[in-house]
């Protein structure tokens, strides 16, 4: 279980907070807008209505006691930047911040954020790949060059084994799991035989992954 501070309870902040709690984490949320705070009461009770740009308030929270601090503010970059700086100054172990523009991302990273996400942009790109590609069913970008995705088993692999097709050497990808009828089978044995209707969860270079969208 991690101790997490979430600042901002808009849609992004609420969804993230809900998932953190579902995963068994302890969450304290900060929201300046009373209406937004009220709308999140059904998710968690530990909400403080306050201005997180206030240095004295941030200091009072004991920031270094949190494993993760999330700056989930997307509609006020100036506030997000000020909060990020304050969190870093008061000993935040890891800061995850939200941004809407590339220039905002750069500034947040330069001023204390450890990782910056583009909530809407990243989801839009993931869905565009998922629904715009013929044989990709899901897609997660790990780095600018590497991704994990779920693909249909190529027709010429059916009836062959992983070792027989020399998947890693020939295609330079790793098969993390197979999936059939909704059930996932992690780390398949080299002797695993590919079957019709099966999908593969693979990791590799994005160019290689996209070559499967024939």
C-alpha atoms as a PDB file:
ATOM      1  CA  UNK A   1       0.000   0.000   0.000  1.00  0.00           C
ATOM      2  CA  UNK A   2       1.229   3.466  -0.886  1.00  0.00           C
ATOM      3  CA  UNK A   3       0.441   6.816   0.676  1.00  0.00           C
ATOM      4  CA  UNK A   4      -0.679   9.152  -2.110  1.00  0.00           C
ATOM      5  CA  UNK A   5      -1.495  12.851  -2.293  1.00  0.00           C
ATOM      6  CA  UNK A   6      -3.779  13.933  -5.147  1.00  0.00           C
ATOM      7  CA  UNK A   7      -4.142  17.651  -5.838  1.00  0.00           C
ATOM      8  CA  UNK A   8      -7.123  18.487  -8.035  1.00  0.00           C
ATOM      9  CA  UNK A   9     -10.392  16.566  -8.246  1.00  0.00           C
ATOM     10  CA  UNK A  10     -11.516  17.256 -11.784  1.00  0.00           C
ATOM     11  CA  UNK A  11     -12.364  14.273 -13.989  1.00  0.00           C
ATOM     12  CA  UNK A  12      -8.754  13.142 -14.276  1.00  0.00           C
ATOM     13  CA  UNK A  13      -8.087  13.496 -10.546  1.00  0.00           C
ATOM     14  CA  UNK A  14     -11.307  11.705  -9.561  1.00  0.00           C
ATOM     15  CA  UNK A  15     -10.709   8.767 -11.888  1.00  0.00           C
ATOM     16  CA  UNK A  16      -7.127   8.384 -10.727  1.00  0.00           C
ATOM     17  CA  UNK A  17      -8.116   8.654  -7.058  1.00  0.00           C
ATOM     18  CA  UNK A  18     -10.812   6.011  -7.488  1.00  0.00           C
ATOM     19  CA  UNK A  19      -8.351   3.599  -9.069  1.00  0.00           C
ATOM     20  CA  UNK A  20      -5.700   4.258  -6.418  1.00  0.00           C
ATOM     21  CA  UNK A  21      -8.225   3.363  -3.713  1.00  0.00           C
ATOM     22  CA  UNK A  22      -9.431   0.268  -5.577  1.00  0.00           C
ATOM     23  CA  UNK A  23      -5.806  -0.882  -5.626  1.00  0.00           C
ATOM     24  CA  UNK A  24      -5.651  -0.599  -1.828  1.00  0.00           C
ATOM     25  CA  UNK A  25      -3.736   2.655  -1.489  1.00  0.00           C
ATOM     26  CA  UNK A  26      -4.230   5.415   1.096  1.00  0.00           C
ATOM     27  CA  UNK A  27      -5.209   8.708  -0.570  1.00  0.00           C
ATOM     28  CA  UNK A  28      -5.477  12.283   0.660  1.00  0.00           C
ATOM     29  CA  UNK A  29      -7.065  14.650  -1.872  1.00  0.00           C
ATOM     30  CA  UNK A  30      -6.782  18.441  -2.008  1.00  0.00           C
ATOM     31  CA  UNK A  31      -9.335  20.505  -3.937  1.00  0.00           C
ATOM     32  CA  UNK A  32      -9.866  24.264  -3.889  1.00  0.00           C
ATOM     33  CA  UNK A  33     -13.325  24.127  -5.450  1.00  0.00           C
ATOM     34  CA  UNK A  34     -15.927  23.049  -2.884  1.00  0.00           C
ATOM     35  CA  UNK A  35     -18.352  21.744  -5.520  1.00  0.00           C
ATOM     36  CA  UNK A  36     -15.687  19.472  -7.024  1.00  0.00           C
ATOM     37  CA  UNK A  37     -14.794  18.233  -3.563  1.00  0.00           C
ATOM     38  CA  UNK A  38     -18.452  17.427  -2.849  1.00  0.00           C
ATOM     39  CA  UNK A  39     -18.703  15.512  -6.123  1.00  0.00           C
ATOM     40  CA  UNK A  40     -15.845  13.262  -5.019  1.00  0.00           C
ATOM     41  CA  UNK A  41     -17.230  12.370  -1.577  1.00  0.00           C
ATOM     42  CA  UNK A  42     -18.577   9.072  -2.900  1.00  0.00           C
ATOM     43  CA  UNK A  43     -15.006   8.087  -3.844  1.00  0.00           C
ATOM     44  CA  UNK A  44     -13.153   9.062  -0.662  1.00  0.00           C
ATOM     45  CA  UNK A  45     -13.754  10.871   2.597  1.00  0.00           C
ATOM     46  CA  UNK A  46     -10.260  12.227   3.147  1.00  0.00           C
ATOM     47  CA  UNK A  47     -10.595  15.490   1.205  1.00  0.00           C
ATOM     48  CA  UNK A  48      -9.276  18.870   2.278  1.00  0.00           C
ATOM     49  CA  UNK A  49     -10.706  22.008   0.696  1.00  0.00           C
ATOM     50  CA  UNK A  50      -7.722  24.308   0.358  1.00  0.00           C
ATOM     51  CA  UNK A  51      -5.494  26.248  -2.023  1.00  0.00           C
ATOM     52  CA  UNK A  52      -2.487  24.052  -2.745  1.00  0.00           C
ATOM     53  CA  UNK A  53      -0.463  27.057  -3.941  1.00  0.00           C
ATOM     54  CA  UNK A  54      -0.360  28.216  -0.315  1.00  0.00           C
ATOM     55  CA  UNK A  55       3.127  27.462   0.978  1.00  0.00           C
ATOM     56  CA  UNK A  56       2.103  27.208   4.635  1.00  0.00           C
ATOM     57  CA  UNK A  57      -0.648  24.722   3.805  1.00  0.00           C
ATOM     58  CA  UNK A  58       1.630  22.504   1.715  1.00  0.00           C
ATOM     59  CA  UNK A  59       4.248  22.559   4.469  1.00  0.00           C
ATOM     60  CA  UNK A  60       1.639  21.420   7.010  1.00  0.00           C
ATOM     61  CA  UNK A  61       0.896  18.238   5.028  1.00  0.00           C
ATOM     62  CA  UNK A  62       4.255  16.571   5.670  1.00  0.00           C
ATOM     63  CA  UNK A  63       4.924  16.041   1.969  1.00  0.00           C
ATOM     64  CA  UNK A  64       7.920  13.755   2.533  1.00  0.00           C
ATOM     65  CA  UNK A  65       5.570  11.190   4.113  1.00  0.00           C
ATOM     66  CA  UNK A  66       3.783  10.547   0.793  1.00  0.00           C
ATOM     67  CA  UNK A  67       5.110   7.935  -1.610  1.00  0.00           C
ATOM     68  CA  UNK A  68       3.546   9.744  -4.553  1.00  0.00           C
ATOM     69  CA  UNK A  69       2.203  13.259  -5.175  1.00  0.00           C
ATOM     70  CA  UNK A  70      -0.132  13.779  -8.137  1.00  0.00           C
ATOM     71  CA  UNK A  71      -0.719  17.267  -9.544  1.00  0.00           C
ATOM     72  CA  UNK A  72      -3.949  16.574 -11.435  1.00  0.00           C
ATOM     73  CA  UNK A  73      -4.737  20.186 -12.346  1.00  0.00           C
ATOM     74  CA  UNK A  74      -5.205  20.615 -16.072  1.00  0.00           C
ATOM     75  CA  UNK A  75      -7.056  23.916 -16.437  1.00  0.00           C
ATOM     76  CA  UNK A  76      -4.584  26.231 -14.667  1.00  0.00           C
ATOM     77  CA  UNK A  77      -0.973  25.691 -15.646  1.00  0.00           C
ATOM     78  CA  UNK A  78       0.385  28.480 -13.450  1.00  0.00           C
ATOM     79  CA  UNK A  79      -1.107  26.856 -10.366  1.00  0.00           C
ATOM     80  CA  UNK A  80       0.109  23.406 -11.423  1.00  0.00           C
ATOM     81  CA  UNK A  81       3.646  24.743 -11.841  1.00  0.00           C
ATOM     82  CA  UNK A  82       3.628  26.556  -8.487  1.00  0.00           C
ATOM     83  CA  UNK A  83       2.317  23.455  -6.714  1.00  0.00           C
ATOM     84  CA  UNK A  84       4.951  21.248  -8.355  1.00  0.00           C
ATOM     85  CA  UNK A  85       7.733  23.569  -7.191  1.00  0.00           C
ATOM     86  CA  UNK A  86       6.343  23.651  -3.641  1.00  0.00           C
ATOM     87  CA  UNK A  87       6.024  19.870  -3.492  1.00  0.00           C
ATOM     88  CA  UNK A  88       9.631  19.467  -4.615  1.00  0.00           C
ATOM     89  CA  UNK A  89      10.851  22.088  -2.133  1.00  0.00           C
ATOM     90  CA  UNK A  90       9.151  20.266   0.735  1.00  0.00           C
ATOM     91  CA  UNK A  91      10.638  16.875  -0.094  1.00  0.00           C
ATOM     92  CA  UNK A  92       8.195  15.088  -2.407  1.00  0.00           C
ATOM     93  CA  UNK A  93       9.583  11.629  -3.237  1.00  0.00           C
ATOM     94  CA  UNK A  94       7.912  11.383  -6.658  1.00  0.00           C
ATOM     95  CA  UNK A  95       5.730  13.901  -8.486  1.00  0.00           C
ATOM     96  CA  UNK A  96       3.347  12.895 -11.273  1.00  0.00           C
ATOM     97  CA  UNK A  97       1.901  15.931 -13.051  1.00  0.00           C
ATOM     98  CA  UNK A  98      -0.630  16.492 -15.790  1.00  0.00           C
ATOM     99  CA  UNK A  99      -0.059  18.743 -18.810  1.00  0.00           C
ATOM    100  CA  UNK A 100      -1.994  19.808 -21.889  1.00  0.00           C
ATOM    101  CA  UNK A 101       0.878  21.168 -24.005  1.00  0.00           C
ATOM    102  CA  UNK A 102       4.475  20.199 -24.770  1.00  0.00           C
ATOM    103  CA  UNK A 103       5.855  23.461 -23.398  1.00  0.00           C
ATOM    104  CA  UNK A 104       3.996  22.866 -20.119  1.00  0.00           C
ATOM    105  CA  UNK A 105       5.468  19.372 -19.907  1.00  0.00           C
ATOM    106  CA  UNK A 106       8.997  20.729 -20.325  1.00  0.00           C
ATOM    107  CA  UNK A 107       8.504  23.376 -17.661  1.00  0.00           C
ATOM    108  CA  UNK A 108       6.996  20.919 -15.188  1.00  0.00           C
ATOM    109  CA  UNK A 109       9.887  18.492 -15.672  1.00  0.00           C
ATOM    110  CA  UNK A 110      12.421  21.277 -15.214  1.00  0.00           C
ATOM    111  CA  UNK A 111      10.757  22.429 -12.014  1.00  0.00           C
ATOM    112  CA  UNK A 112      10.355  19.230 -10.042  1.00  0.00           C
ATOM    113  CA  UNK A 113       7.969  16.819 -11.790  1.00  0.00           C
ATOM    114  CA  UNK A 114       9.339  13.291 -12.207  1.00  0.00           C
ATOM    115  CA  UNK A 115       6.811  12.284 -14.853  1.00  0.00           C
ATOM    116  CA  UNK A 116       4.260  14.243 -16.879  1.00  0.00           C
ATOM    117  CA  UNK A 117       1.212  12.781 -18.618  1.00  0.00           C
ATOM    118  CA  UNK A 118      -1.035  14.105 -21.348  1.00  0.00           C
ATOM    119  CA  UNK A 119      -4.279  12.542 -20.154  1.00  0.00           C
ATOM    120  CA  UNK A 120      -6.543  13.211 -23.155  1.00  0.00           C
ATOM    121  CA  UNK A 121      -3.760  13.094 -25.731  1.00  0.00           C
ATOM    122  CA  UNK A 122      -2.335   9.758 -24.569  1.00  0.00           C
ATOM    123  CA  UNK A 123      -5.769   8.133 -24.465  1.00  0.00           C
ATOM    124  CA  UNK A 124      -6.656   9.554 -27.889  1.00  0.00           C
ATOM    125  CA  UNK A 125      -3.434   8.216 -29.427  1.00  0.00           C
ATOM    126  CA  UNK A 126      -3.906   4.809 -27.811  1.00  0.00           C
ATOM    127  CA  UNK A 127      -7.469   4.543 -29.093  1.00  0.00           C
ATOM    128  CA  UNK A 128      -6.459   5.755 -32.561  1.00  0.00           C
ATOM    129  CA  UNK A 129      -3.916   2.947 -32.819  1.00  0.00           C
ATOM    130  CA  UNK A 130      -6.316   0.391 -31.364  1.00  0.00           C
ATOM    131  CA  UNK A 131      -9.238   1.210 -33.647  1.00  0.00           C
ATOM    132  CA  UNK A 132      -7.296   2.424 -36.670  1.00  0.00           C
ATOM    133  CA  UNK A 133      -5.127  -0.680 -37.061  1.00  0.00           C
ATOM    134  CA  UNK A 134      -6.359  -3.898 -38.574  1.00  0.00           C
ATOM    135  CA  UNK A 135      -4.864  -6.446 -36.178  1.00  0.00           C
ATOM    136  CA  UNK A 136      -3.998  -4.486 -33.008  1.00  0.00           C
ATOM    137  CA  UNK A 137      -6.529  -4.861 -30.182  1.00  0.00           C
ATOM    138  CA  UNK A 138      -4.779  -2.817 -27.504  1.00  0.00           C
ATOM    139  CA  UNK A 139      -1.658  -0.680 -27.316  1.00  0.00           C
ATOM    140  CA  UNK A 140       0.498   0.839 -24.552  1.00  0.00           C
ATOM    141  CA  UNK A 141       3.514   3.001 -25.370  1.00  0.00           C
ATOM    142  CA  UNK A 142       6.398   2.437 -22.935  1.00  0.00           C
ATOM    143  CA  UNK A 143       8.986   4.733 -24.542  1.00  0.00           C
ATOM    144  CA  UNK A 144       9.112   6.654 -27.840  1.00  0.00           C
ATOM    145  CA  UNK A 145      10.486   3.473 -29.442  1.00  0.00           C
ATOM    146  CA  UNK A 146       8.970   0.595 -27.455  1.00  0.00           C
ATOM    147  CA  UNK A 147       5.394  -0.547 -26.854  1.00  0.00           C
ATOM    148  CA  UNK A 148       3.272  -3.398 -25.557  1.00  0.00           C
ATOM    149  CA  UNK A 149       0.275  -4.426 -27.617  1.00  0.00           C
ATOM    150  CA  UNK A 150      -2.258  -7.173 -28.143  1.00  0.00           C
ATOM    151  CA  UNK A 151      -2.280  -8.554 -31.682  1.00  0.00           C
ATOM    152  CA  UNK A 152      -4.053 -11.276 -33.600  1.00  0.00           C
ATOM    153  CA  UNK A 153      -1.946 -14.369 -34.224  1.00  0.00           C
ATOM    154  CA  UNK A 154      -0.652 -14.096 -37.817  1.00  0.00           C
ATOM    155  CA  UNK A 155      -2.316 -16.716 -39.997  1.00  0.00           C
ATOM    156  CA  UNK A 156       0.993 -18.340 -40.978  1.00  0.00           C
ATOM    157  CA  UNK A 157       1.864 -18.904 -37.292  1.00  0.00           C
ATOM    158  CA  UNK A 158      -1.200 -21.047 -36.532  1.00  0.00           C
ATOM    159  CA  UNK A 159      -0.227 -24.657 -35.845  1.00  0.00           C
ATOM    160  CA  UNK A 160       3.414 -23.685 -35.240  1.00  0.00           C
ATOM    161  CA  UNK A 161       5.235 -23.323 -31.912  1.00  0.00           C
ATOM    162  CA  UNK A 162       7.039 -20.287 -30.527  1.00  0.00           C
ATOM    163  CA  UNK A 163      10.400 -22.019 -30.825  1.00  0.00           C
ATOM    164  CA  UNK A 164       9.581 -23.284 -34.309  1.00  0.00           C
ATOM    165  CA  UNK A 165       8.874 -19.752 -35.517  1.00  0.00           C
ATOM    166  CA  UNK A 166      11.957 -18.431 -33.660  1.00  0.00           C
ATOM    167  CA  UNK A 167       9.885 -15.440 -32.585  1.00  0.00           C
ATOM    168  CA  UNK A 168      12.509 -13.554 -30.580  1.00  0.00           C
ATOM    169  CA  UNK A 169      15.342 -13.990 -33.087  1.00  0.00           C
ATOM    170  CA  UNK A 170      13.325 -13.579 -36.268  1.00  0.00           C
ATOM    171  CA  UNK A 171      10.969 -10.782 -35.239  1.00  0.00           C
ATOM    172  CA  UNK A 172      12.822  -9.219 -32.275  1.00  0.00           C
ATOM    173  CA  UNK A 173       9.748  -9.244 -30.048  1.00  0.00           C
ATOM    174  CA  UNK A 174       8.911 -10.859 -26.707  1.00  0.00           C
ATOM    175  CA  UNK A 175       5.621 -12.676 -26.134  1.00  0.00           C
ATOM    176  CA  UNK A 176       4.504 -11.703 -22.632  1.00  0.00           C
ATOM    177  CA  UNK A 177       1.261 -13.688 -22.688  1.00  0.00           C
ATOM    178  CA  UNK A 178      -1.326 -15.381 -24.855  1.00  0.00           C
ATOM    179  CA  UNK A 179      -5.045 -14.741 -24.590  1.00  0.00           C
ATOM    180  CA  UNK A 180      -8.016 -16.840 -25.613  1.00  0.00           C
ATOM    181  CA  UNK A 181     -11.727 -16.492 -24.796  1.00  0.00           C
ATOM    182  CA  UNK A 182     -10.952 -13.711 -22.359  1.00  0.00           C
ATOM    183  CA  UNK A 183      -8.406 -15.709 -20.348  1.00  0.00           C
ATOM    184  CA  UNK A 184      -4.757 -14.636 -20.199  1.00  0.00           C
ATOM    185  CA  UNK A 185      -1.894 -17.134 -19.998  1.00  0.00           C
ATOM    186  CA  UNK A 186       1.332 -15.360 -18.973  1.00  0.00           C
ATOM    187  CA  UNK A 187       4.819 -16.270 -20.219  1.00  0.00           C
ATOM    188  CA  UNK A 188       3.972 -19.086 -22.632  1.00  0.00           C
ATOM    189  CA  UNK A 189       6.383 -22.031 -22.900  1.00  0.00           C
ATOM    190  CA  UNK A 190       8.640 -22.116 -26.008  1.00  0.00           C
ATOM    191  CA  UNK A 191       6.741 -25.227 -27.120  1.00  0.00           C
ATOM    192  CA  UNK A 192       3.398 -23.366 -27.072  1.00  0.00           C
ATOM    193  CA  UNK A 193       1.423 -23.975 -30.293  1.00  0.00           C
ATOM    194  CA  UNK A 194      -0.378 -20.968 -31.785  1.00  0.00           C
ATOM    195  CA  UNK A 195      -4.095 -21.538 -32.360  1.00  0.00           C
ATOM    196  CA  UNK A 196      -6.877 -19.851 -34.289  1.00  0.00           C
ATOM    197  CA  UNK A 197      -8.772 -17.231 -32.306  1.00  0.00           C
ATOM    198  CA  UNK A 198      -5.820 -16.645 -29.987  1.00  0.00           C
ATOM    199  CA  UNK A 199      -4.268 -13.217 -29.439  1.00  0.00           C
ATOM    200  CA  UNK A 200      -0.759 -12.380 -28.282  1.00  0.00           C
ATOM    201  CA  UNK A 201       0.429  -9.713 -25.876  1.00  0.00           C
ATOM    202  CA  UNK A 202       3.836  -8.716 -27.188  1.00  0.00           C
ATOM    203  CA  UNK A 203       6.550  -6.180 -26.423  1.00  0.00           C
ATOM    204  CA  UNK A 204       8.955  -4.764 -28.953  1.00  0.00           C
ATOM    205  CA  UNK A 205      10.033  -1.864 -31.115  1.00  0.00           C
ATOM    206  CA  UNK A 206       7.073   0.129 -32.424  1.00  0.00           C
ATOM    207  CA  UNK A 207       8.145  -0.332 -36.038  1.00  0.00           C
ATOM    208  CA  UNK A 208       8.116  -4.104 -35.601  1.00  0.00           C
ATOM    209  CA  UNK A 209       4.740  -4.033 -33.849  1.00  0.00           C
ATOM    210  CA  UNK A 210       3.181  -1.975 -36.625  1.00  0.00           C
ATOM    211  CA  UNK A 211       4.454  -4.480 -39.184  1.00  0.00           C
ATOM    212  CA  UNK A 212       1.818  -6.886 -37.851  1.00  0.00           C
ATOM    213  CA  UNK A 213      -0.999  -4.570 -39.006  1.00  0.00           C
ATOM    214  CA  UNK A 214      -1.047  -6.108 -42.445  1.00  0.00           C
END
